[in-house]
C-alpha cells in the first residue's frame, strides 16, 4: 500500500509541476531581478517551507508520464528550472528529463531518508549517510 500511495504522489507531483518555469522577479518599485535558477530548490520550496512557487503552474494540469519506482518515494521530489526531476526511493536517487526518460540513477549503500535538494551550483544533494553531492550528469563528487 505504501508503494502504491508513494507512486501516486510522484505521479501527482509530475502532473502538477510539468510546465512550471522560473521567471524574473519584480519588486514593488518595478525593479527586476534575474530569474532564480532552480525555482523549487528543496522540499516545501524554500527555507520557510512556503510551498509556493514564484510562477503560476499550468491552468489545466495533464499527466505527462509515469514511472514505476522500485520502492516508495522518499519525501518530495526536486525539479530544476529546465524540468529535470529528481526522486529518491529505497537506495536510489533517480533523475528524469521532462519526457519522463530516466537520465541516470545513483545507488547509495543505505536507504535514503530525505528528499533530494538542488544547490545553486547545479549539484544534486542527498543524505543517506552523510551528505552526497552529484553532478547534473549523475557523477558522485
Protein backbone atom coordinates (compact mmCIF):
# COMPACT_ATOMS: atom_id res chain seq x y z
CA UNK A 1 0.00 0.00 0.00
CA UNK A 2 2.82 2.43 0.83
CA UNK A 3 4.41 1.80 -2.61
CA UNK A 4 1.11 2.50 -4.40
CA UNK A 5 0.50 5.66 -2.37
CA UNK A 6 4.07 6.85 -2.95
CA UNK A 7 3.78 6.21 -6.68
CA UNK A 8 0.52 8.16 -6.77
CA UNK A 9 2.20 11.08 -5.01
CA UNK A 10 5.04 11.00 -7.54
CA UNK A 11 2.54 10.99 -10.41
CA UNK A 12 0.63 13.90 -8.93
CA UNK A 13 3.85 15.86 -8.48
CA UNK A 14 4.82 15.29 -12.12
CA UNK A 15 1.34 16.28 -13.26
CA UNK A 16 1.25 19.48 -11.26
CA UNK A 17 4.70 20.81 -11.98
CA UNK A 18 5.20 19.95 -15.62
CA UNK A 19 5.46 23.22 -17.43
CA UNK A 20 6.42 25.41 -14.43
CA UNK A 21 9.39 27.66 -15.08
CA UNK A 22 11.19 30.41 -13.25
CA UNK A 23 10.85 33.98 -14.41
CA UNK A 24 12.34 37.31 -13.45
CA UNK A 25 11.14 38.67 -10.13
CA UNK A 26 9.75 42.19 -9.95
CA UNK A 27 9.75 44.17 -6.70
CA UNK A 28 7.05 46.73 -5.79
CA UNK A 29 9.14 49.50 -7.41
CA UNK A 30 9.24 47.70 -10.75
CA UNK A 31 12.89 46.65 -10.45
CA UNK A 32 13.60 43.20 -11.84
CA UNK A 33 15.98 40.62 -10.51
CA UNK A 34 17.42 37.87 -12.68
CA UNK A 35 15.47 34.64 -12.86
CA UNK A 36 16.20 32.29 -9.99
CA UNK A 37 17.77 29.09 -11.21
CA UNK A 38 16.01 26.01 -9.88
CA UNK A 39 12.83 27.65 -8.67
CA UNK A 40 11.88 24.71 -6.41
CA UNK A 41 15.17 24.14 -4.63
CA UNK A 42 14.09 21.84 -1.80
CA UNK A 43 11.11 20.08 -0.26
CA UNK A 44 8.40 22.63 0.53
CA UNK A 45 10.06 25.09 -1.92
CA UNK A 46 12.24 27.22 0.37
CA UNK A 47 13.75 27.53 3.84
CA UNK A 48 10.44 28.93 5.12
CA UNK A 49 8.58 25.84 3.76
CA UNK A 50 6.13 28.11 1.95
CA UNK A 51 5.12 25.52 -0.68
CA UNK A 52 4.66 28.45 -3.07
CA UNK A 53 6.42 28.95 -6.39
CA UNK A 54 7.26 32.34 -7.88
CA UNK A 55 5.30 31.43 -11.02
CA UNK A 56 1.84 30.06 -11.67
CA UNK A 57 1.51 26.40 -12.53
CA UNK A 58 -0.39 25.11 -15.53
CA UNK A 59 -4.07 26.08 -15.62
CA UNK A 60 -5.15 22.57 -16.67
CA UNK A 61 -2.53 20.06 -15.49
CA UNK A 62 -2.26 16.93 -17.62
CA UNK A 63 -0.47 13.69 -16.84
CA UNK A 64 2.68 13.70 -18.99
CA UNK A 65 4.41 10.48 -17.95
CA UNK A 66 4.67 7.75 -15.34
CA UNK A 67 7.50 5.64 -14.00
CA UNK A 68 7.26 2.51 -11.86
CA UNK A 69 9.61 3.07 -8.92
CA UNK A 70 11.35 0.15 -7.24
CA UNK A 71 10.03 1.23 -3.84
CA UNK A 72 8.20 4.02 -2.08
CA UNK A 73 9.46 7.54 -2.86
CA UNK A 74 11.05 9.47 0.00
CA UNK A 75 9.81 12.98 0.65
CA UNK A 76 9.07 15.46 -2.11
CA UNK A 77 10.97 15.33 -5.37
CA UNK A 78 13.10 18.21 -6.64
CA UNK A 79 12.67 19.90 -10.03
CA UNK A 80 15.11 22.17 -11.87
CA UNK A 81 14.13 25.19 -13.94
CA UNK A 82 14.75 23.20 -17.13
CA UNK A 83 12.34 20.49 -15.96
CA UNK A 84 14.70 17.76 -14.77
CA UNK A 85 13.06 15.81 -11.96
CA UNK A 86 14.86 14.04 -9.09
CA UNK A 87 13.30 11.40 -6.85
CA UNK A 88 14.61 9.08 -4.15
CA UNK A 89 13.25 5.64 -3.36
CA UNK A 90 14.96 2.99 -1.31
CA UNK A 91 18.69 3.25 -2.02
CA UNK A 92 18.18 5.01 -5.36
CA UNK A 93 18.38 8.63 -6.45
CA UNK A 94 16.87 8.84 -9.93
CA UNK A 95 16.97 11.74 -12.42
CA UNK A 96 14.37 12.15 -15.18
CA UNK A 97 14.04 14.51 -18.13
CA UNK A 98 10.84 16.40 -18.96
CA UNK A 99 9.53 13.46 -21.02
CA UNK A 100 9.97 11.02 -18.12
CA UNK A 101 13.05 9.29 -19.51
CA UNK A 102 15.47 8.15 -16.85
CA UNK A 103 18.66 10.20 -17.23
CA UNK A 104 20.63 8.42 -14.53
CA UNK A 105 20.34 6.72 -11.19
CA UNK A 106 22.76 6.50 -8.30
CA UNK A 107 22.68 3.80 -5.67
CA UNK A 108 23.65 4.57 -2.09
CA UNK A 109 24.87 2.00 0.42
CA UNK A 110 21.85 2.66 2.64
CA UNK A 111 18.23 3.72 2.05
CA UNK A 112 17.58 7.43 1.60
CA UNK A 113 15.65 9.08 4.39
CA UNK A 114 15.50 12.53 2.84
CA UNK A 115 14.36 14.04 -0.43
CA UNK A 116 16.95 15.41 -2.89
CA UNK A 117 17.87 19.09 -2.67
CA UNK A 118 19.16 21.21 -5.57
CA UNK A 119 22.05 23.54 -4.91
CA UNK A 120 22.56 26.93 -6.58
CA UNK A 121 25.73 25.40 -8.02
CA UNK A 122 23.66 22.94 -10.11
CA UNK A 123 24.53 19.95 -7.93
CA UNK A 124 22.01 17.49 -6.50
CA UNK A 125 22.44 16.79 -2.79
CA UNK A 126 21.10 13.98 -0.65
CA UNK A 127 21.99 12.33 2.63
CA UNK A 128 21.61 8.57 3.03
CA UNK A 129 24.66 8.53 5.36
CA UNK A 130 26.46 11.83 5.35
CA UNK A 131 25.94 14.30 2.52
CA UNK A 132 26.31 13.15 -1.06
CA UNK A 133 26.71 15.58 -3.97
CA UNK A 134 26.01 14.58 -7.55
CA UNK A 135 26.84 16.45 -10.75
CA UNK A 136 23.98 17.14 -13.20
CA UNK A 137 25.01 14.00 -15.14
CA UNK A 138 24.89 11.79 -12.04
CA UNK A 139 28.54 11.57 -11.07
CA UNK A 140 29.17 11.28 -7.33
CA UNK A 141 31.55 14.08 -6.35
